[in-house]
Amino acid sequence: MVASVDAEQGRAFVDDGAVLLDVREDNEWAAGHAPQAVHAPMSSIQQHPLPFDTSARVIVICRSGQRSQSVTAWLRHSEIEAANFEGGMHAWVQSGGDIVDSDGNPGVVI
């Protein structure tokens, strides 16, 4: 079982300084992402250095929660404190989280 947080817990952790790691693909990120998120697509995350402080708590998010669950398991196996954001970006938006597109305008979840 992968550690996970619901939208309320996840947003509270992010507000308290946890890294919000968005693992969706480039086109999904460009259409809409949380302004404070860090982007590392699941398809390439294992091939590149992680773009965040690995000593920080990490909340992993994708569109629905499936890809982020896999990345969370991989991060935890790498001894990084990580949790899956249940419900993904849909839950982020439904809980009142902001999203912006690549230009900083209001974004959409695709």
PDB file of N, CA and C in Angstrom:
ATOM      1  N   MET A   1       0.843  -1.184   0.000  1.00  0.00           N
ATOM      2  CA  MET A   1       0.000   0.000   0.000  1.00  0.00           C
ATOM      3  C   MET A   1       0.887   1.246   0.000  1.00  0.00           C
ATOM      4  N   VAL A   2       0.603   2.186  -0.875  1.00  0.00           N
ATOM      5  CA  VAL A   2       1.375   3.417  -0.992  1.00  0.00           C
ATOM      6  C   VAL A   2       0.769   4.470  -0.065  1.00  0.00           C
ATOM      7  N   ALA A   3       1.630   5.212   0.607  1.00  0.00           N
ATOM      8  CA  ALA A   3       1.153   6.306   1.454  1.00  0.00           C
ATOM      9  C   ALA A   3       0.399   7.304   0.594  1.00  0.00           C
ATOM     10  N   SER A   4      -0.726   7.785   1.111  1.00  0.00           N
ATOM     11  CA  SER A   4      -1.504   8.750   0.353  1.00  0.00           C
ATOM     12  C   SER A   4      -2.144   9.765   1.288  1.00  0.00           C
ATOM     13  N   VAL A   5      -2.535  10.885   0.696  1.00  0.00           N
ATOM     14  CA  VAL A   5      -3.223  11.948   1.425  1.00  0.00           C
ATOM     15  C   VAL A   5      -4.445  12.353   0.613  1.00  0.00           C
ATOM     16  N   ASP A   6      -5.492  12.766   1.315  1.00  0.00           N
ATOM     17  CA  ASP A   6      -6.646  13.296   0.591  1.00  0.00           C
ATOM     18  C   ASP A   6      -6.366  14.749   0.225  1.00  0.00           C
ATOM     19  N   ALA A   7      -7.292  15.364  -0.491  1.00  0.00           N
ATOM     20  CA  ALA A   7      -7.065  16.721  -0.985  1.00  0.00           C
ATOM     21  C   ALA A   7      -6.815  17.713   0.147  1.00  0.00           C
ATOM     22  N   GLU A   8      -7.594  17.614   1.211  1.00  0.00           N
ATOM     23  CA  GLU A   8      -7.427  18.553   2.326  1.00  0.00           C
ATOM     24  C   GLU A   8      -6.050  18.403   2.972  1.00  0.00           C
ATOM     25  N   GLN A   9      -5.659  17.160   3.251  1.00  0.00           N
ATOM     26  CA  GLN A   9      -4.339  16.910   3.857  1.00  0.00           C
ATOM     27  C   GLN A   9      -3.220  17.336   2.912  1.00  0.00           C
ATOM     28  N   GLY A  10      -3.347  16.965   1.652  1.00  0.00           N
ATOM     29  CA  GLY A  10      -2.308  17.278   0.670  1.00  0.00           C
ATOM     30  C   GLY A  10      -2.097  18.766   0.518  1.00  0.00           C
ATOM     31  N   ARG A  11      -3.187  19.508   0.409  1.00  0.00           N
ATOM     32  CA  ARG A  11      -3.062  20.965   0.277  1.00  0.00           C
ATOM     33  C   ARG A  11      -2.465  21.565   1.540  1.00  0.00           C
ATOM     34  N   ALA A  12      -2.814  21.026   2.711  1.00  0.00           N
ATOM     35  CA  ALA A  12      -2.242  21.535   3.966  1.00  0.00           C
ATOM     36  C   ALA A  12      -0.739  21.284   4.006  1.00  0.00           C
ATOM     37  N   PHE A  13      -0.294  20.098   3.583  1.00  0.00           N
ATOM     38  CA  PHE A  13       1.138  19.806   3.547  1.00  0.00           C
ATOM     39  C   PHE A  13       1.860  20.768   2.600  1.00  0.00           C
ATOM     40  N   VAL A  14       1.282  21.008   1.433  1.00  0.00           N
ATOM     41  CA  VAL A  14       1.892  21.921   0.466  1.00  0.00           C
ATOM     42  C   VAL A  14       1.945  23.334   1.049  1.00  0.00           C
ATOM     43  N   ASP A  15       0.862  23.758   1.691  1.00  0.00           N
ATOM     44  CA  ASP A  15       0.850  25.086   2.323  1.00  0.00           C
ATOM     45  C   ASP A  15       1.933  25.198   3.396  1.00  0.00           C
ATOM     46  N   ASP A  16       2.268  24.066   4.020  1.00  0.00           N
ATOM     47  CA  ASP A  16       3.298  24.051   5.073  1.00  0.00           C
ATOM     48  C   ASP A  16       4.705  23.835   4.530  1.00  0.00           C
ATOM     49  N   GLY A  17       4.856  23.811   3.192  1.00  0.00           N
ATOM     50  CA  GLY A  17       6.191  23.727   2.616  1.00  0.00           C
ATOM     51  C   GLY A  17       6.564  22.434   1.926  1.00  0.00           C
ATOM     52  N   ALA A  18       5.659  21.455   1.887  1.00  0.00           N
ATOM     53  CA  ALA A  18       5.967  20.220   1.157  1.00  0.00           C
ATOM     54  C   ALA A  18       6.074  20.524  -0.334  1.00  0.00           C
ATOM     55  N   VAL A  19       6.890  19.757  -1.028  1.00  0.00           N
ATOM     56  CA  VAL A  19       7.020  19.863  -2.480  1.00  0.00           C
ATOM     57  C   VAL A  19       5.799  19.213  -3.117  1.00  0.00           C
ATOM     58  N   LEU A  20       5.145  19.912  -4.031  1.00  0.00           N
ATOM     59  CA  LEU A  20       4.068  19.332  -4.828  1.00  0.00           C
ATOM     60  C   LEU A  20       4.684  18.937  -6.161  1.00  0.00           C
ATOM     61  N   LEU A  21       4.841  17.649  -6.385  1.00  0.00           N
ATOM     62  CA  LEU A  21       5.493  17.115  -7.576  1.00  0.00           C
ATOM     63  C   LEU A  21       4.441  16.657  -8.576  1.00  0.00           C
ATOM     64  N   ASP A  22       4.338  17.346  -9.689  1.00  0.00           N
ATOM     65  CA  ASP A  22       3.382  17.027 -10.755  1.00  0.00           C
ATOM     66  C   ASP A  22       4.088  16.132 -11.759  1.00  0.00           C
ATOM     67  N   VAL A  23       3.584  14.901 -11.932  1.00  0.00           N
ATOM     68  CA  VAL A  23       4.252  13.923 -12.797  1.00  0.00           C
ATOM     69  C   VAL A  23       3.519  13.709 -14.122  1.00  0.00           C
ATOM     70  N   ARG A  24       2.627  14.631 -14.473  1.00  0.00           N
ATOM     71  CA  ARG A  24       1.925  14.524 -15.754  1.00  0.00           C
ATOM     72  C   ARG A  24       2.858  14.906 -16.904  1.00  0.00           C
ATOM     73  N   GLU A  25       2.417  14.604 -18.092  1.00  0.00           N
ATOM     74  CA  GLU A  25       3.227  14.892 -19.276  1.00  0.00           C
ATOM     75  C   GLU A  25       3.211  16.389 -19.595  1.00  0.00           C
ATOM     76  N   ASP A  26       4.131  16.809 -20.466  1.00  0.00           N
ATOM     77  CA  ASP A  26       4.327  18.223 -20.773  1.00  0.00           C
ATOM     78  C   ASP A  26       3.048  18.929 -21.223  1.00  0.00           C
ATOM     79  N   ASN A  27       2.257  18.287 -22.092  1.00  0.00           N
ATOM     80  CA  ASN A  27       1.043  18.946 -22.588  1.00  0.00           C
ATOM     81  C   ASN A  27       0.013  19.127 -21.474  1.00  0.00           C
ATOM     82  N   GLU A  28      -0.059  18.188 -20.547  1.00  0.00           N
ATOM     83  CA  GLU A  28      -0.980  18.306 -19.419  1.00  0.00           C
ATOM     84  C   GLU A  28      -0.541  19.443 -18.495  1.00  0.00           C
ATOM     85  N   TRP A  29       0.766  19.495 -18.209  1.00  0.00           N
ATOM     86  CA  TRP A  29       1.335  20.559 -17.389  1.00  0.00           C
ATOM     87  C   TRP A  29       1.062  21.925 -18.016  1.00  0.00           C
ATOM     88  N   ALA A  30       1.295  22.044 -19.331  1.00  0.00           N
ATOM     89  CA  ALA A  30       1.111  23.316 -20.023  1.00  0.00           C
ATOM     90  C   ALA A  30      -0.334  23.799 -19.952  1.00  0.00           C
ATOM     91  N   ALA A  31      -1.290  22.876 -19.997  1.00  0.00           N
ATOM     92  CA  ALA A  31      -2.706  23.254 -19.980  1.00  0.00           C
ATOM     93  C   ALA A  31      -3.145  23.764 -18.611  1.00  0.00           C
ATOM     94  N   GLY A  32      -2.571  23.189 -17.546  1.00  0.00           N
ATOM     95  CA  GLY A  32      -2.949  23.638 -16.217  1.00  0.00           C
ATOM     96  C   GLY A  32      -2.256  22.877 -15.121  1.00  0.00           C
ATOM     97  N   HIS A  33      -1.637  23.610 -14.203  1.00  0.00           N
ATOM     98  CA  HIS A  33      -0.924  23.010 -13.078  1.00  0.00           C
ATOM     99  C   HIS A  33      -1.023  23.938 -11.869  1.00  0.00           C
ATOM    100  N   ALA A  34      -0.781  23.400 -10.706  1.00  0.00           N
ATOM    101  CA  ALA A  34      -0.750  24.223  -9.498  1.00  0.00           C
ATOM    102  C   ALA A  34       0.441  25.167  -9.605  1.00  0.00           C
ATOM    103  N   PRO A  35       0.258  26.454  -9.293  1.00  0.00           N
ATOM    104  CA  PRO A  35       1.352  27.413  -9.455  1.00  0.00           C
ATOM    105  C   PRO A  35       2.601  27.060  -8.657  1.00  0.00           C
ATOM    106  N   GLN A  36       2.456  26.400  -7.531  1.00  0.00           N
ATOM    107  CA  GLN A  36       3.602  26.083  -6.684  1.00  0.00           C
ATOM    108  C   GLN A  36       4.220  24.709  -6.990  1.00  0.00           C
ATOM    109  N   ALA A  37       3.685  24.011  -7.976  1.00  0.00           N
ATOM    110  CA  ALA A  37       4.160  22.664  -8.280  1.00  0.00           C
ATOM    111  C   ALA A  37       5.509  22.665  -8.983  1.00  0.00           C
ATOM    112  N   VAL A  38       6.196  21.538  -8.843  1.00  0.00           N
ATOM    113  CA  VAL A  38       7.431  21.236  -9.556  1.00  0.00           C
ATOM    114  C   VAL A  38       7.066  20.157 -10.578  1.00  0.00           C
ATOM    115  N   HIS A  39       7.580  20.262 -11.789  1.00  0.00           N
ATOM    116  CA  HIS A  39       7.207  19.330 -12.854  1.00  0.00           C
ATOM    117  C   HIS A  39       8.327  18.339 -13.156  1.00  0.00           C
ATOM    118  N   ALA A  40       7.972  17.069 -13.165  1.00  0.00           N
ATOM    119  CA  ALA A  40       8.876  15.999 -13.588  1.00  0.00           C
ATOM    120  C   ALA A  40       8.000  14.880 -14.143  1.00  0.00           C
ATOM    121  N   PRO A  41       7.843  14.784 -15.463  1.00  0.00           N
ATOM    122  CA  PRO A  41       6.963  13.765 -16.044  1.00  0.00           C
ATOM    123  C   PRO A  41       7.347  12.354 -15.625  1.00  0.00           C
ATOM    124  N   MET A  42       6.340  11.551 -15.345  1.00  0.00           N
ATOM    125  CA  MET A  42       6.572  10.163 -14.950  1.00  0.00           C
ATOM    126  C   MET A  42       7.412   9.430 -15.991  1.00  0.00           C
ATOM    127  N   SER A  43       7.182   9.731 -17.271  1.00  0.00           N
ATOM    128  CA  SER A  43       7.874   9.019 -18.347  1.00  0.00           C
ATOM    129  C   SER A  43       9.381   9.223 -18.335  1.00  0.00           C
ATOM    130  N   SER A  44       9.858  10.263 -17.643  1.00  0.00           N
ATOM    131  CA  SER A  44      11.300  10.515 -17.648  1.00  0.00           C
ATOM    132  C   SER A  44      11.896  10.751 -16.263  1.00  0.00           C
ATOM    133  N   ILE A  45      11.123  10.595 -15.217  1.00  0.00           N
ATOM    134  CA  ILE A  45      11.595  10.964 -13.879  1.00  0.00           C
ATOM    135  C   ILE A  45      12.809  10.138 -13.431  1.00  0.00           C
ATOM    136  N   GLN A  46      12.878   8.890 -13.848  1.00  0.00           N
ATOM    137  CA  GLN A  46      13.997   8.059 -13.406  1.00  0.00           C
ATOM    138  C   GLN A  46      15.271   8.310 -14.204  1.00  0.00           C
ATOM    139  N   GLN A  47      15.187   9.034 -15.318  1.00  0.00           N
ATOM    140  CA  GLN A  47      16.356   9.292 -16.152  1.00  0.00           C
ATOM    141  C   GLN A  47      17.038  10.626 -15.860  1.00  0.00           C
ATOM    142  N   HIS A  48      16.445  11.464 -15.016  1.00  0.00           N
ATOM    143  CA  HIS A  48      16.977  12.789 -14.752  1.00  0.00           C
ATOM    144  C   HIS A  48      17.110  13.026 -13.252  1.00  0.00           C
ATOM    145  N   PRO A  49      17.986  13.931 -12.856  1.00  0.00           N
ATOM    146  CA  PRO A  49      18.062  14.286 -11.434  1.00  0.00           C
ATOM    147  C   PRO A  49      16.711  14.847 -10.973  1.00  0.00           C
ATOM    148  N   LEU A  50      16.333  14.534  -9.767  1.00  0.00           N
ATOM    149  CA  LEU A  50      15.066  15.029  -9.239  1.00  0.00           C
ATOM    150  C   LEU A  50      15.137  16.537  -9.052  1.00  0.00           C
ATOM    151  N   PRO A  51      14.098  17.265  -9.488  1.00  0.00           N
ATOM    152  CA  PRO A  51      14.129  18.733  -9.476  1.00  0.00           C
ATOM    153  C   PRO A  51      13.659  19.363  -8.159  1.00  0.00           C
ATOM    154  N   PHE A  52      13.989  18.724  -7.050  1.00  0.00           N
ATOM    155  CA  PHE A  52      13.577  19.249  -5.747  1.00  0.00           C
ATOM    156  C   PHE A  52      14.511  18.716  -4.679  1.00  0.00           C
ATOM    157  N   ASP A  53      14.432  19.315  -3.510  1.00  0.00           N
ATOM    158  CA  ASP A  53      15.221  18.893  -2.363  1.00  0.00           C
ATOM    159  C   ASP A  53      14.667  17.559  -1.863  1.00  0.00           C
ATOM    160  N   THR A  54      15.442  16.502  -1.986  1.00  0.00           N
ATOM    161  CA  THR A  54      14.950  15.173  -1.627  1.00  0.00           C
ATOM    162  C   THR A  54      14.832  14.948  -0.127  1.00  0.00           C
ATOM    163  N   SER A  55      15.261  15.920   0.674  1.00  0.00           N
ATOM    164  CA  SER A  55      15.057  15.793   2.118  1.00  0.00           C
ATOM    165  C   SER A  55      13.701  16.363   2.532  1.00  0.00           C
ATOM    166  N   ALA A  56      12.996  17.007   1.601  1.00  0.00           N
ATOM    167  CA  ALA A  56      11.683  17.589   1.888  1.00  0.00           C
ATOM    168  C   ALA A  56      10.592  16.530   1.741  1.00  0.00           C
ATOM    169  N   ARG A  57       9.469  16.773   2.403  1.00  0.00           N
ATOM    170  CA  ARG A  57       8.280  15.939   2.185  1.00  0.00           C
ATOM    171  C   ARG A  57       7.779  16.231   0.781  1.00  0.00           C
ATOM    172  N   VAL A  58       7.357  15.186   0.066  1.00  0.00           N
ATOM    173  CA  VAL A  58       6.905  15.325  -1.312  1.00  0.00           C
ATOM    174  C   VAL A  58       5.479  14.794  -1.428  1.00  0.00           C
ATOM    175  N   ILE A  59       4.617  15.597  -2.032  1.00  0.00           N
ATOM    176  CA  ILE A  59       3.259  15.183  -2.354  1.00  0.00           C
ATOM    177  C   ILE A  59       3.211  15.051  -3.870  1.00  0.00           C
ATOM    178  N   VAL A  60       2.915  13.838  -4.352  1.00  0.00           N
ATOM    179  CA  VAL A  60       2.973  13.544  -5.786  1.00  0.00           C
ATOM    180  C   VAL A  60       1.558  13.579  -6.365  1.00  0.00           C
ATOM    181  N   ILE A  61       1.421  14.294  -7.493  1.00  0.00           N
ATOM    182  CA  ILE A  61       0.103  14.474  -8.103  1.00  0.00           C
ATOM    183  C   ILE A  61       0.164  14.222  -9.599  1.00  0.00           C
ATOM    184  N   CYS A  62      -0.931  13.696 -10.148  1.00  0.00           N
ATOM    185  CA  CYS A  62      -1.100  13.550 -11.593  1.00  0.00           C
ATOM    186  C   CYS A  62      -2.540  13.950 -11.906  1.00  0.00           C
ATOM    187  N   ARG A  63      -3.099  13.460 -12.970  1.00  0.00           N
ATOM    188  CA  ARG A  63      -4.468  13.853 -13.318  1.00  0.00           C
ATOM    189  C   ARG A  63      -5.485  13.195 -12.394  1.00  0.00           C
ATOM    190  N   SER A  64      -5.351  11.878 -12.181  1.00  0.00           N
ATOM    191  CA  SER A  64      -6.371  11.169 -11.407  1.00  0.00           C
ATOM    192  C   SER A  64      -5.837  10.449 -10.179  1.00  0.00           C
ATOM    193  N   GLY A  65      -4.531  10.285 -10.081  1.00  0.00           N
ATOM    194  CA  GLY A  65      -3.951   9.610  -8.925  1.00  0.00           C
ATOM    195  C   GLY A  65      -3.272   8.284  -9.219  1.00  0.00           C
ATOM    196  N   GLN A  66      -3.345   7.811 -10.457  1.00  0.00           N
ATOM    197  CA  GLN A  66      -2.748   6.517 -10.795  1.00  0.00           C
ATOM    198  C   GLN A  66      -1.242   6.615 -11.039  1.00  0.00           C
ATOM    199  N   ARG A  67      -0.827   7.510 -11.917  1.00  0.00           N
ATOM    200  CA  ARG A  67       0.608   7.664 -12.189  1.00  0.00           C
ATOM    201  C   ARG A  67       1.342   8.128 -10.939  1.00  0.00           C
ATOM    202  N   SER A  68       0.724   9.046 -10.211  1.00  0.00           N
ATOM    203  CA  SER A  68       1.371   9.551  -9.000  1.00  0.00           C
ATOM    204  C   SER A  68       1.544   8.452  -7.961  1.00  0.00           C
ATOM    205  N   GLN A  69       0.658   7.488  -7.948  1.00  0.00           N
ATOM    206  CA  GLN A  69       0.796   6.363  -7.024  1.00  0.00           C
ATOM    207  C   GLN A  69       2.062   5.568  -7.343  1.00  0.00           C
ATOM    208  N   SER A  70       2.312   5.329  -8.623  1.00  0.00           N
ATOM    209  CA  SER A  70       3.521   4.601  -9.032  1.00  0.00           C
ATOM    210  C   SER A  70       4.780   5.377  -8.697  1.00  0.00           C
ATOM    211  N   VAL A  71       4.774   6.688  -8.967  1.00  0.00           N
ATOM    212  CA  VAL A  71       5.943   7.513  -8.663  1.00  0.00           C
ATOM    213  C   VAL A  71       6.161   7.589  -7.159  1.00  0.00           C
ATOM    214  N   THR A  72       5.087   7.688  -6.401  1.00  0.00           N
ATOM    215  CA  THR A  72       5.209   7.710  -4.939  1.00  0.00           C
ATOM    216  C   THR A  72       5.894   6.444  -4.444  1.00  0.00           C
ATOM    217  N   ALA A  73       5.490   5.296  -4.962  1.00  0.00           N
ATOM    218  CA  ALA A  73       6.116   4.029  -4.553  1.00  0.00           C
ATOM    219  C   ALA A  73       7.604   4.040  -4.890  1.00  0.00           C
ATOM    220  N   TRP A  74       7.965   4.529  -6.062  1.00  0.00           N
ATOM    221  CA  TRP A  74       9.368   4.588  -6.470  1.00  0.00           C
ATOM    222  C   TRP A  74      10.161   5.530  -5.564  1.00  0.00           C
ATOM    223  N   LEU A  75       9.602   6.709  -5.256  1.00  0.00           N
ATOM    224  CA  LEU A  75      10.283   7.660  -4.375  1.00  0.00           C
ATOM    225  C   LEU A  75      10.479   7.069  -2.979  1.00  0.00           C
ATOM    226  N   ARG A  76       9.447   6.428  -2.455  1.00  0.00           N
ATOM    227  CA  ARG A  76       9.549   5.838  -1.115  1.00  0.00           C
ATOM    228  C   ARG A  76      10.594   4.713  -1.105  1.00  0.00           C
ATOM    229  N   HIS A  77      10.666   3.957  -2.196  1.00  0.00           N
ATOM    230  CA  HIS A  77      11.689   2.918  -2.314  1.00  0.00           C
ATOM    231  C   HIS A  77      13.082   3.550  -2.323  1.00  0.00           C
ATOM    232  N   SER A  78      13.161   4.786  -2.812  1.00  0.00           N
ATOM    233  CA  SER A  78      14.422   5.536  -2.826  1.00  0.00           C
ATOM    234  C   SER A  78      14.638   6.308  -1.525  1.00  0.00           C
ATOM    235  N   GLU A  79      13.828   5.995  -0.526  1.00  0.00           N
ATOM    236  CA  GLU A  79      13.921   6.582   0.819  1.00  0.00           C
ATOM    237  C   GLU A  79      13.628   8.080   0.848  1.00  0.00           C
ATOM    238  N   ILE A  80      12.713   8.516  -0.008  1.00  0.00           N
ATOM    239  CA  ILE A  80      12.239   9.894  -0.013  1.00  0.00           C
ATOM    240  C   ILE A  80      10.847   9.883   0.602  1.00  0.00           C
ATOM    241  N   GLU A  81      10.588  10.804   1.525  1.00  0.00           N
ATOM    242  CA  GLU A  81       9.284  10.874   2.182  1.00  0.00           C
ATOM    243  C   GLU A  81       8.266  11.414   1.184  1.00  0.00           C
ATOM    244  N   ALA A  82       7.422  10.530   0.675  1.00  0.00           N
ATOM    245  CA  ALA A  82       6.472  10.908  -0.367  1.00  0.00           C
ATOM    246  C   ALA A  82       5.104  10.320  -0.077  1.00  0.00           C
ATOM    247  N   ALA A  83       4.075  11.020  -0.548  1.00  0.00           N
ATOM    248  CA  ALA A  83       2.705  10.542  -0.439  1.00  0.00           C
ATOM    249  C   ALA A  83       1.967  10.885  -1.730  1.00  0.00           C
ATOM    250  N   ASN A  84       1.053  10.016  -2.116  1.00  0.00           N
ATOM    251  CA  ASN A  84       0.234  10.204  -3.301  1.00  0.00           C
ATOM    252  C   ASN A  84      -0.943  11.124  -2.975  1.00  0.00           C
ATOM    253  N   PHE A  85      -1.211  12.106  -3.839  1.00  0.00           N
ATOM    254  CA  PHE A  85      -2.361  12.993  -3.691  1.00  0.00           C
ATOM    255  C   PHE A  85      -3.566  12.283  -4.296  1.00  0.00           C
ATOM    256  N   GLU A  86      -4.457  11.762  -3.454  1.00  0.00           N
ATOM    257  CA  GLU A  86      -5.624  11.004  -3.909  1.00  0.00           C
ATOM    258  C   GLU A  86      -6.532  11.861  -4.787  1.00  0.00           C
ATOM    259  N   GLY A  87      -6.934  11.306  -5.913  1.00  0.00           N
ATOM    260  CA  GLY A  87      -7.844  12.008  -6.808  1.00  0.00           C
ATOM    261  C   GLY A  87      -7.170  12.954  -7.776  1.00  0.00           C
ATOM    262  N   GLY A  88      -5.873  13.166  -7.622  1.00  0.00           N
ATOM    263  CA  GLY A  88      -5.095  13.953  -8.566  1.00  0.00           C
ATOM    264  C   GLY A  88      -5.557  15.395  -8.735  1.00  0.00           C
ATOM    265  N   MET A  89      -5.273  15.928  -9.906  1.00  0.00           N
ATOM    266  CA  MET A  89      -5.579  17.328 -10.194  1.00  0.00           C
ATOM    267  C   MET A  89      -7.074  17.612 -10.122  1.00  0.00           C
ATOM    268  N   HIS A  90      -7.897  16.623 -10.422  1.00  0.00           N
ATOM    269  CA  HIS A  90      -9.338  16.833 -10.304  1.00  0.00           C
ATOM    270  C   HIS A  90      -9.699  17.143  -8.852  1.00  0.00           C
ATOM    271  N   ALA A  91      -9.124  16.396  -7.914  1.00  0.00           N
ATOM    272  CA  ALA A  91      -9.375  16.644  -6.493  1.00  0.00           C
ATOM    273  C   ALA A  91      -8.760  17.967  -6.058  1.00  0.00           C
ATOM    274  N   TRP A  92      -7.589  18.307  -6.599  1.00  0.00           N
ATOM    275  CA  TRP A  92      -6.948  19.591  -6.287  1.00  0.00           C
ATOM    276  C   TRP A  92      -7.902  20.746  -6.617  1.00  0.00           C
ATOM    277  N   VAL A  93      -8.456  20.720  -7.824  1.00  0.00           N
ATOM    278  CA  VAL A  93      -9.352  21.787  -8.269  1.00  0.00           C
ATOM    279  C   VAL A  93     -10.647  21.781  -7.445  1.00  0.00           C
ATOM    280  N   GLN A  94     -11.222  20.603  -7.241  1.00  0.00           N
ATOM    281  CA  GLN A  94     -12.482  20.506  -6.485  1.00  0.00           C
ATOM    282  C   GLN A  94     -12.323  21.000  -5.049  1.00  0.00           C
ATOM    283  N   SER A  95     -11.120  20.907  -4.513  1.00  0.00           N
ATOM    284  CA  SER A  95     -10.886  21.358  -3.141  1.00  0.00           C
ATOM    285  C   SER A  95     -10.493  22.834  -3.072  1.00  0.00           C
ATOM    286  N   GLY A  96     -10.529  23.526  -4.214  1.00  0.00           N
ATOM    287  CA  GLY A  96     -10.241  24.955  -4.235  1.00  0.00           C
ATOM    288  C   GLY A  96      -8.838  25.327  -4.632  1.00  0.00           C
ATOM    289  N   GLY A  97      -8.031  24.348  -5.054  1.00  0.00           N
ATOM    290  CA  GLY A  97      -6.665  24.640  -5.479  1.00  0.00           C
ATOM    291  C   GLY A  97      -6.630  25.393  -6.799  1.00  0.00           C
ATOM    292  N   ASP A  98      -5.729  26.350  -6.888  1.00  0.00           N
ATOM    293  CA  ASP A  98      -5.570  27.123  -8.118  1.00  0.00           C
ATOM    294  C   ASP A  98      -4.809  26.324  -9.158  1.00  0.00           C
ATOM    295  N   ILE A  99      -5.097  26.606 -10.441  1.00  0.00           N
ATOM    296  CA  ILE A  99      -4.294  26.071 -11.536  1.00  0.00           C
ATOM    297  C   ILE A  99      -4.074  27.169 -12.567  1.00  0.00           C
ATOM    298  N   VAL A 100      -2.890  27.147 -13.149  1.00  0.00           N
ATOM    299  CA  VAL A 100      -2.518  28.109 -14.179  1.00  0.00           C
ATOM    300  C   VAL A 100      -1.945  27.358 -15.373  1.00  0.00           C
ATOM    301  N   ASP A 101      -2.004  28.006 -16.539  1.00  0.00           N
ATOM    302  CA  ASP A 101      -1.372  27.400 -17.711  1.00  0.00           C
ATOM    303  C   ASP A 101       0.077  27.866 -17.795  1.00  0.00           C
ATOM    304  N   SER A 102       0.759  27.505 -18.845  1.00  0.00           N
ATOM    305  CA  SER A 102       2.180  27.847 -18.985  1.00  0.00           C
ATOM    306  C   SER A 102       2.445  29.345 -19.033  1.00  0.00           C
ATOM    307  N   ASP A 103       1.431  30.125 -19.397  1.00  0.00           N
ATOM    308  CA  ASP A 103       1.580  31.577 -19.476  1.00  0.00           C
ATOM    309  C   ASP A 103       1.113  32.285 -18.206  1.00  0.00           C
ATOM    310  N   GLY A 104       0.699  31.510 -17.199  1.00  0.00           N
ATOM    311  CA  GLY A 104       0.242  32.108 -15.959  1.00  0.00           C
ATOM    312  C   GLY A 104      -1.226  32.481 -15.948  1.00  0.00           C
ATOM    313  N   ASN A 105      -1.948  32.135 -17.019  1.00  0.00           N
ATOM    314  CA  ASN A 105      -3.389  32.394 -17.098  1.00  0.00           C
ATOM    315  C   ASN A 105      -4.138  31.248 -16.433  1.00  0.00           C
ATOM    316  N   PRO A 106      -5.440  31.423 -16.150  1.00  0.00           N
ATOM    317  CA  PRO A 106      -6.202  30.299 -15.580  1.00  0.00           C
ATOM    318  C   PRO A 106      -6.065  29.058 -16.456  1.00  0.00           C
ATOM    319  N   GLY A 107      -5.810  27.925 -15.825  1.00  0.00           N
ATOM    320  CA  GLY A 107      -5.581  26.687 -16.554  1.00  0.00           C
ATOM    321  C   GLY A 107      -6.743  25.725 -16.470  1.00  0.00           C
ATOM    322  N   VAL A 108      -6.605  24.610 -17.175  1.00  0.00           N
ATOM    323  CA  VAL A 108      -7.589  23.538 -17.159  1.00  0.00           C
ATOM    324  C   VAL A 108      -6.868  22.214 -16.969  1.00  0.00           C
ATOM    325  N   VAL A 109      -7.568  21.238 -16.435  1.00  0.00           N
ATOM    326  CA  VAL A 109      -7.018  19.891 -16.280  1.00  0.00           C
ATOM    327  C   VAL A 109      -7.402  19.084 -17.499  1.00  0.00           C
ATOM    328  N   ILE A 110      -6.389  18.540 -18.192  1.00  0.00           N
ATOM    329  CA  ILE A 110      -6.684  17.676 -19.348  1.00  0.00           C
ATOM    330  C   ILE A 110      -6.147  16.284 -19.069  1.00  0.00           C
TER     331      ILE A 110
END
